[in-house]
Amino acid sequence: CEHPPLCYDFSNVDKFLNEKKVQEELGVDTKWQDCNTIVNVMFNWDFMHNFHHLLIDQVEAGTRVLIYAGDVDYICNWIGNKHWALNLEWKGQEQFNKQDDLDIKNRSGKSVARVRSVTLDNGGQFTFMQIKEAGHMVPMDQPAVALHMLNDFLENKLPSHRLSPPEHISLEASEQFEASEQYVLVDDQPLEIDIVL
């Protein structure tokens, strides 16, 4: 690789994070290093923990989550990332799995990414994106695509399928539930509710 040990040129990041004014703003006064063995060893105990259940709790609580991978990243490859995304058990899993990936093109019409996403009624969203011609550091390999992806994610503009609400609900009357006719609007469409007495 041209720039050991990480194979990417971080010299601009190093210069920026070692500027006195930047360090004052960040409240630090130590030399920035891309790789630090002591810091790495201190975090070794935290590797390889499974947090998928926490991820789904967040999505189902209304948080938008974006998983992305470069299509030539062999460290965190897109095939493995997509595989676990498809196998997550959550209330949007069926719709997430049955949809096709959408092709994302740049202004000149070149395909730069593929995306699949489901949005829950509460705004929670789970999105997987494969970035073309990008390795482990997507922003360094495809800076324009990465910036566009991040801005669209932050502004909630990534294409996503809504988890379809039920079209018809039947409820049985009970002591806790008074029989009455109700209409609820879901996405500006009336939701038919039958009350069975």
C-alpha atoms as a PDB file:
ATOM      1  CA  CYS A   1       0.000   0.000   0.000  1.00  0.00           C
ATOM      2  CA  GLU A   2       1.154   3.543  -0.747  1.00  0.00           C
ATOM      3  CA  HIS A   3       0.450   5.017   2.714  1.00  0.00           C
ATOM      4  CA  PRO A   4       1.201   2.477   5.465  1.00  0.00           C
ATOM      5  CA  PRO A   5      -0.152   1.396   7.866  1.00  0.00           C
ATOM      6  CA  LEU A   6      -3.725   2.326   6.842  1.00  0.00           C
ATOM      7  CA  CYS A   7      -3.237   2.571   3.048  1.00  0.00           C
ATOM      8  CA  TYR A   8      -4.966   5.972   2.948  1.00  0.00           C
ATOM      9  CA  ASP A   9      -3.308   9.389   2.993  1.00  0.00           C
ATOM     10  CA  PHE A  10      -4.408  11.065   6.226  1.00  0.00           C
ATOM     11  CA  SER A  11      -1.798  13.848   6.078  1.00  0.00           C
ATOM     12  CA  ASN A  12      -4.447  16.594   5.724  1.00  0.00           C
ATOM     13  CA  VAL A  13      -6.360  15.210   8.718  1.00  0.00           C
ATOM     14  CA  ASP A  14      -3.125  15.026  10.718  1.00  0.00           C
ATOM     15  CA  LYS A  15      -2.233  18.637   9.877  1.00  0.00           C
ATOM     16  CA  PHE A  16      -5.733  19.872  10.721  1.00  0.00           C
ATOM     17  CA  LEU A  17      -6.028  18.029  14.047  1.00  0.00           C
ATOM     18  CA  ASN A  18      -2.541  19.116  15.117  1.00  0.00           C
ATOM     19  CA  GLU A  19      -3.161  22.838  14.494  1.00  0.00           C
ATOM     20  CA  LYS A  20      -2.994  24.768  17.760  1.00  0.00           C
ATOM     21  CA  LYS A  21      -6.275  26.635  17.118  1.00  0.00           C
ATOM     22  CA  VAL A  22      -8.153  23.408  16.322  1.00  0.00           C
ATOM     23  CA  GLN A  23      -6.804  21.704  19.445  1.00  0.00           C
ATOM     24  CA  GLU A  24      -7.810  24.716  21.563  1.00  0.00           C
ATOM     25  CA  GLU A  25     -11.356  24.525  20.157  1.00  0.00           C
ATOM     26  CA  LEU A  26     -11.460  20.775  20.880  1.00  0.00           C
ATOM     27  CA  GLY A  27     -10.010  21.240  24.367  1.00  0.00           C
ATOM     28  CA  VAL A  28      -6.988  18.969  23.808  1.00  0.00           C
ATOM     29  CA  ASP A  29      -3.267  19.566  23.858  1.00  0.00           C
ATOM     30  CA  THR A  30      -1.727  16.326  22.671  1.00  0.00           C
ATOM     31  CA  LYS A  31      -0.303  15.299  19.322  1.00  0.00           C
ATOM     32  CA  TRP A  32      -2.898  13.649  17.075  1.00  0.00           C
ATOM     33  CA  GLN A  33      -1.972  10.247  15.617  1.00  0.00           C
ATOM     34  CA  ASP A  34      -3.996   8.123  13.196  1.00  0.00           C
ATOM     35  CA  CYS A  35      -2.914   4.902  14.891  1.00  0.00           C
ATOM     36  CA  ASN A  36      -1.891   4.733  18.524  1.00  0.00           C
ATOM     37  CA  THR A  37      -0.925   1.330  19.939  1.00  0.00           C
ATOM     38  CA  ILE A  38      -1.619   2.290  23.567  1.00  0.00           C
ATOM     39  CA  VAL A  39      -5.136   3.534  22.769  1.00  0.00           C
ATOM     40  CA  ASN A  40      -5.748   0.438  20.636  1.00  0.00           C
ATOM     41  CA  VAL A  41      -4.703  -1.919  23.460  1.00  0.00           C
ATOM     42  CA  MET A  42      -6.926  -0.073  25.954  1.00  0.00           C
ATOM     43  CA  PHE A  43      -9.971  -0.725  23.746  1.00  0.00           C
ATOM     44  CA  ASN A  44      -9.172  -4.364  22.889  1.00  0.00           C
ATOM     45  CA  TRP A  45     -11.719  -5.647  25.430  1.00  0.00           C
ATOM     46  CA  ASP A  46     -14.484  -3.865  23.514  1.00  0.00           C
ATOM     47  CA  PHE A  47     -14.048  -5.666  20.177  1.00  0.00           C
ATOM     48  CA  MET A  48     -16.527  -8.136  18.688  1.00  0.00           C
ATOM     49  CA  HIS A  49     -19.605  -7.527  20.809  1.00  0.00           C
ATOM     50  CA  ASN A  50     -22.984  -8.101  19.208  1.00  0.00           C
ATOM     51  CA  PHE A  51     -25.214  -5.032  19.466  1.00  0.00           C
ATOM     52  CA  HIS A  52     -27.819  -5.854  16.795  1.00  0.00           C
ATOM     53  CA  HIS A  53     -30.661  -5.962  19.341  1.00  0.00           C
ATOM     54  CA  LEU A  54     -29.836  -2.413  20.448  1.00  0.00           C
ATOM     55  CA  LEU A  55     -29.859  -1.258  16.831  1.00  0.00           C
ATOM     56  CA  ILE A  56     -33.370  -2.613  16.281  1.00  0.00           C
ATOM     57  CA  ASP A  57     -34.565  -1.101  19.574  1.00  0.00           C
ATOM     58  CA  GLN A  58     -33.374   2.271  18.268  1.00  0.00           C
ATOM     59  CA  VAL A  59     -35.045   1.884  14.853  1.00  0.00           C
ATOM     60  CA  GLU A  60     -38.329   0.750  16.401  1.00  0.00           C
ATOM     61  CA  ALA A  61     -38.161   3.698  18.841  1.00  0.00           C
ATOM     62  CA  GLY A  62     -38.037   6.155  15.911  1.00  0.00           C
ATOM     63  CA  THR A  63     -34.325   6.575  15.153  1.00  0.00           C
ATOM     64  CA  ARG A  64     -33.095   6.579  11.558  1.00  0.00           C
ATOM     65  CA  VAL A  65     -30.118   4.237  10.991  1.00  0.00           C
ATOM     66  CA  LEU A  66     -27.834   4.132   7.934  1.00  0.00           C
ATOM     67  CA  ILE A  67     -25.499   1.189   7.273  1.00  0.00           C
ATOM     68  CA  TYR A  68     -23.147   1.682   4.330  1.00  0.00           C
ATOM     69  CA  ALA A  69     -20.190  -0.146   2.817  1.00  0.00           C
ATOM     70  CA  GLY A  70     -17.916   0.316  -0.157  1.00  0.00           C
ATOM     71  CA  ASP A  71     -18.208  -2.404  -2.781  1.00  0.00           C
ATOM     72  CA  VAL A  72     -14.427  -3.001  -2.801  1.00  0.00           C
ATOM     73  CA  ASP A  73     -13.954  -2.948   0.991  1.00  0.00           C
ATOM     74  CA  TYR A  74     -12.583  -6.337   2.030  1.00  0.00           C
ATOM     75  CA  ILE A  75     -12.402  -5.478   5.760  1.00  0.00           C
ATOM     76  CA  CYS A  76     -16.107  -4.680   6.265  1.00  0.00           C
ATOM     77  CA  ASN A  77     -17.353  -5.995   2.934  1.00  0.00           C
ATOM     78  CA  TRP A  78     -20.754  -5.020   1.574  1.00  0.00           C
ATOM     79  CA  ILE A  79     -21.857  -8.641   1.095  1.00  0.00           C
ATOM     80  CA  GLY A  80     -21.427  -9.452   4.803  1.00  0.00           C
ATOM     81  CA  ASN A  81     -23.001  -6.154   5.871  1.00  0.00           C
ATOM     82  CA  LYS A  82     -25.999  -6.678   3.610  1.00  0.00           C
ATOM     83  CA  HIS A  83     -26.343 -10.280   4.819  1.00  0.00           C
ATOM     84  CA  TRP A  84     -26.690  -9.277   8.471  1.00  0.00           C
ATOM     85  CA  ALA A  85     -28.984  -6.374   7.521  1.00  0.00           C
ATOM     86  CA  LEU A  86     -31.309  -8.783   5.695  1.00  0.00           C
ATOM     87  CA  ASN A  87     -31.292 -11.200   8.639  1.00  0.00           C
ATOM     88  CA  LEU A  88     -32.120  -8.691  11.393  1.00  0.00           C
ATOM     89  CA  GLU A  89     -35.428  -9.590  13.016  1.00  0.00           C
ATOM     90  CA  TRP A  90     -37.626  -6.507  13.312  1.00  0.00           C
ATOM     91  CA  LYS A  91     -41.084  -5.388  12.296  1.00  0.00           C
ATOM     92  CA  GLY A  92     -39.873  -4.002   8.954  1.00  0.00           C
ATOM     93  CA  GLN A  93     -37.806  -7.072   8.020  1.00  0.00           C
ATOM     94  CA  GLU A  94     -40.292  -8.636   5.591  1.00  0.00           C
ATOM     95  CA  GLN A  95     -40.725  -5.455   3.549  1.00  0.00           C
ATOM     96  CA  PHE A  96     -36.994  -4.649   3.750  1.00  0.00           C
ATOM     97  CA  ASN A  97     -36.117  -8.093   2.378  1.00  0.00           C
ATOM     98  CA  LYS A  98     -38.691  -8.256  -0.417  1.00  0.00           C
ATOM     99  CA  GLN A  99     -37.852  -4.926  -2.038  1.00  0.00           C
ATOM    100  CA  ASP A 100     -35.251  -4.462  -4.746  1.00  0.00           C
ATOM    101  CA  ASP A 101     -32.218  -2.245  -4.260  1.00  0.00           C
ATOM    102  CA  LEU A 102     -32.695   1.177  -5.851  1.00  0.00           C
ATOM    103  CA  ASP A 103     -29.945   2.439  -8.120  1.00  0.00           C
ATOM    104  CA  ILE A 104     -28.566   5.874  -7.207  1.00  0.00           C
ATOM    105  CA  LYS A 105     -27.060   7.813 -10.110  1.00  0.00           C
ATOM    106  CA  ASN A 106     -24.995  10.971 -10.219  1.00  0.00           C
ATOM    107  CA  ARG A 107     -25.879  13.956 -12.428  1.00  0.00           C
ATOM    108  CA  SER A 108     -24.143  12.422 -15.445  1.00  0.00           C
ATOM    109  CA  GLY A 109     -26.225   9.243 -15.101  1.00  0.00           C
ATOM    110  CA  LYS A 110     -23.478   6.995 -13.718  1.00  0.00           C
ATOM    111  CA  SER A 111     -24.583   4.471 -11.080  1.00  0.00           C
ATOM    112  CA  VAL A 112     -22.744   5.369  -7.853  1.00  0.00           C
ATOM    113  CA  ALA A 113     -24.668   3.436  -5.185  1.00  0.00           C
ATOM    114  CA  ARG A 114     -27.488   1.015  -4.445  1.00  0.00           C
ATOM    115  CA  VAL A 115     -29.883   1.518  -1.534  1.00  0.00           C
ATOM    116  CA  ARG A 116     -32.728  -0.292   0.195  1.00  0.00           C
ATOM    117  CA  SER A 117     -34.634   1.230   3.080  1.00  0.00           C
ATOM    118  CA  VAL A 118     -37.801   0.907   5.142  1.00  0.00           C
ATOM    119  CA  THR A 119     -39.355   3.686   7.220  1.00  0.00           C
ATOM    120  CA  LEU A 120     -41.689   2.875  10.107  1.00  0.00           C
ATOM    121  CA  ASP A 121     -44.793   4.887  10.974  1.00  0.00           C
ATOM    122  CA  ASN A 122     -42.955   6.534  13.893  1.00  0.00           C
ATOM    123  CA  GLY A 123     -40.150   7.755  11.601  1.00  0.00           C
ATOM    124  CA  GLY A 124     -37.692   5.006  12.514  1.00  0.00           C
ATOM    125  CA  GLN A 125     -35.767   4.015   9.417  1.00  0.00           C
ATOM    126  CA  PHE A 126     -33.336   1.235   8.530  1.00  0.00           C
ATOM    127  CA  THR A 127     -31.249   1.845   5.406  1.00  0.00           C
ATOM    128  CA  PHE A 128     -28.488  -0.167   3.751  1.00  0.00           C
ATOM    129  CA  MET A 129     -26.332   1.469   1.078  1.00  0.00           C
ATOM    130  CA  GLN A 130     -23.656  -0.068  -1.146  1.00  0.00           C
ATOM    131  CA  ILE A 131     -21.255   2.589  -2.454  1.00  0.00           C
ATOM    132  CA  LYS A 132     -19.655   1.733  -5.786  1.00  0.00           C
ATOM    133  CA  GLU A 133     -15.895   1.993  -6.395  1.00  0.00           C
ATOM    134  CA  ALA A 134     -15.240   2.619  -2.692  1.00  0.00           C
ATOM    135  CA  GLY A 135     -13.110   0.740  -0.203  1.00  0.00           C
ATOM    136  CA  HIS A 136     -12.981   0.818   3.600  1.00  0.00           C
ATOM    137  CA  MET A 137     -12.873   4.623   3.746  1.00  0.00           C
ATOM    138  CA  VAL A 138     -15.829   5.609   1.556  1.00  0.00           C
ATOM    139  CA  PRO A 139     -15.335   9.391   2.046  1.00  0.00           C
ATOM    140  CA  MET A 140     -11.740   9.144   0.812  1.00  0.00           C
ATOM    141  CA  ASP A 141     -12.544   6.946  -2.199  1.00  0.00           C
ATOM    142  CA  GLN A 142     -15.820   8.639  -3.212  1.00  0.00           C
ATOM    143  CA  PRO A 143     -15.928  12.029  -1.441  1.00  0.00           C
ATOM    144  CA  ALA A 144     -18.758  13.529  -3.518  1.00  0.00           C
ATOM    145  CA  VAL A 145     -20.930  10.420  -3.178  1.00  0.00           C
ATOM    146  CA  ALA A 146     -20.204  10.191   0.572  1.00  0.00           C
ATOM    147  CA  LEU A 147     -21.101  13.851   1.136  1.00  0.00           C
ATOM    148  CA  HIS A 148     -24.301  13.498  -0.887  1.00  0.00           C
ATOM    149  CA  MET A 149     -25.219  10.323   1.045  1.00  0.00           C
ATOM    150  CA  LEU A 150     -24.584  11.967   4.417  1.00  0.00           C
ATOM    151  CA  ASN A 151     -26.493  15.152   3.542  1.00  0.00           C
ATOM    152  CA  ASP A 152     -29.447  13.159   2.183  1.00  0.00           C
ATOM    153  CA  PHE A 153     -29.464  10.994   5.305  1.00  0.00           C
ATOM    154  CA  LEU A 154     -29.325  13.978   7.675  1.00  0.00           C
ATOM    155  CA  GLU A 155     -32.082  15.745   5.715  1.00  0.00           C
ATOM    156  CA  ASN A 156     -34.144  12.513   5.528  1.00  0.00           C
ATOM    157  CA  LYS A 157     -34.075  12.529   1.711  1.00  0.00           C
ATOM    158  CA  LEU A 158     -32.814   8.988   1.012  1.00  0.00           C
ATOM    159  CA  PRO A 159     -35.384   6.948  -0.907  1.00  0.00           C
ATOM    160  CA  SER A 160     -37.268   4.689   1.497  1.00  0.00           C
ATOM    161  CA  HIS A 161     -40.344   2.463   1.458  1.00  0.00           C
ATOM    162  CA  ARG A 162     -42.922   3.145   4.159  1.00  0.00           C
ATOM    163  CA  LEU A 163     -43.986   0.153   6.184  1.00  0.00           C
ATOM    164  CA  SER A 164     -47.569  -0.181   5.000  1.00  0.00           C
ATOM    165  CA  PRO A 165     -50.158   0.351   7.726  1.00  0.00           C
ATOM    166  CA  PRO A 166     -53.039  -2.127   7.863  1.00  0.00           C
ATOM    167  CA  GLU A 167     -55.940  -1.189   5.605  1.00  0.00           C
ATOM    168  CA  HIS A 168     -58.626  -2.649   7.857  1.00  0.00           C
ATOM    169  CA  ILE A 169     -58.752  -3.354  11.603  1.00  0.00           C
ATOM    170  CA  SER A 170     -61.485  -5.202  13.491  1.00  0.00           C
ATOM    171  CA  LEU A 171     -61.831  -4.706  17.241  1.00  0.00           C
ATOM    172  CA  GLU A 172     -64.165  -6.505  19.604  1.00  0.00           C
ATOM    173  CA  ALA A 173     -66.041  -4.395  22.130  1.00  0.00           C
ATOM    174  CA  SER A 174     -65.174  -5.130  25.746  1.00  0.00           C
ATOM    175  CA  GLU A 175     -65.694  -3.513  29.130  1.00  0.00           C
ATOM    176  CA  GLN A 176     -62.545  -1.468  28.603  1.00  0.00           C
ATOM    177  CA  PHE A 177     -63.494  -0.399  25.086  1.00  0.00           C
ATOM    178  CA  GLU A 178     -66.640   1.503  24.201  1.00  0.00           C
ATOM    179  CA  ALA A 179     -68.207   0.716  20.848  1.00  0.00           C
ATOM    180  CA  SER A 180     -67.957   3.739  18.587  1.00  0.00           C
ATOM    181  CA  GLU A 181     -67.206   4.371  14.945  1.00  0.00           C
ATOM    182  CA  GLN A 182     -63.753   5.864  14.419  1.00  0.00           C
ATOM    183  CA  TYR A 183     -61.798   6.930  11.384  1.00  0.00           C
ATOM    184  CA  VAL A 184     -58.086   7.563  11.598  1.00  0.00           C
ATOM    185  CA  LEU A 185     -56.072   9.182   8.841  1.00  0.00           C
ATOM    186  CA  VAL A 186     -52.845   7.377   7.944  1.00  0.00           C
ATOM    187  CA  ASP A 187     -50.827   9.123   5.236  1.00  0.00           C
ATOM    188  CA  ASP A 188     -53.970  11.194   4.469  1.00  0.00           C
ATOM    189  CA  GLN A 189     -55.950   8.023   3.726  1.00  0.00           C
ATOM    190  CA  PRO A 190     -58.867   6.913   5.935  1.00  0.00           C
ATOM    191  CA  LEU A 191     -58.256   3.737   7.924  1.00  0.00           C
ATOM    192  CA  GLU A 192     -61.415   1.630   8.179  1.00  0.00           C
ATOM    193  CA  ILE A 193     -62.105   0.301  11.677  1.00  0.00           C
ATOM    194  CA  ASP A 194     -64.952  -2.117  12.446  1.00  0.00           C
ATOM    195  CA  ILE A 195     -66.241  -2.405  15.999  1.00  0.00           C
ATOM    196  CA  VAL A 196     -67.773  -5.832  16.629  1.00  0.00           C
ATOM    197  CA  LEU A 197     -70.403  -5.840  19.410  1.00  0.00           C
END
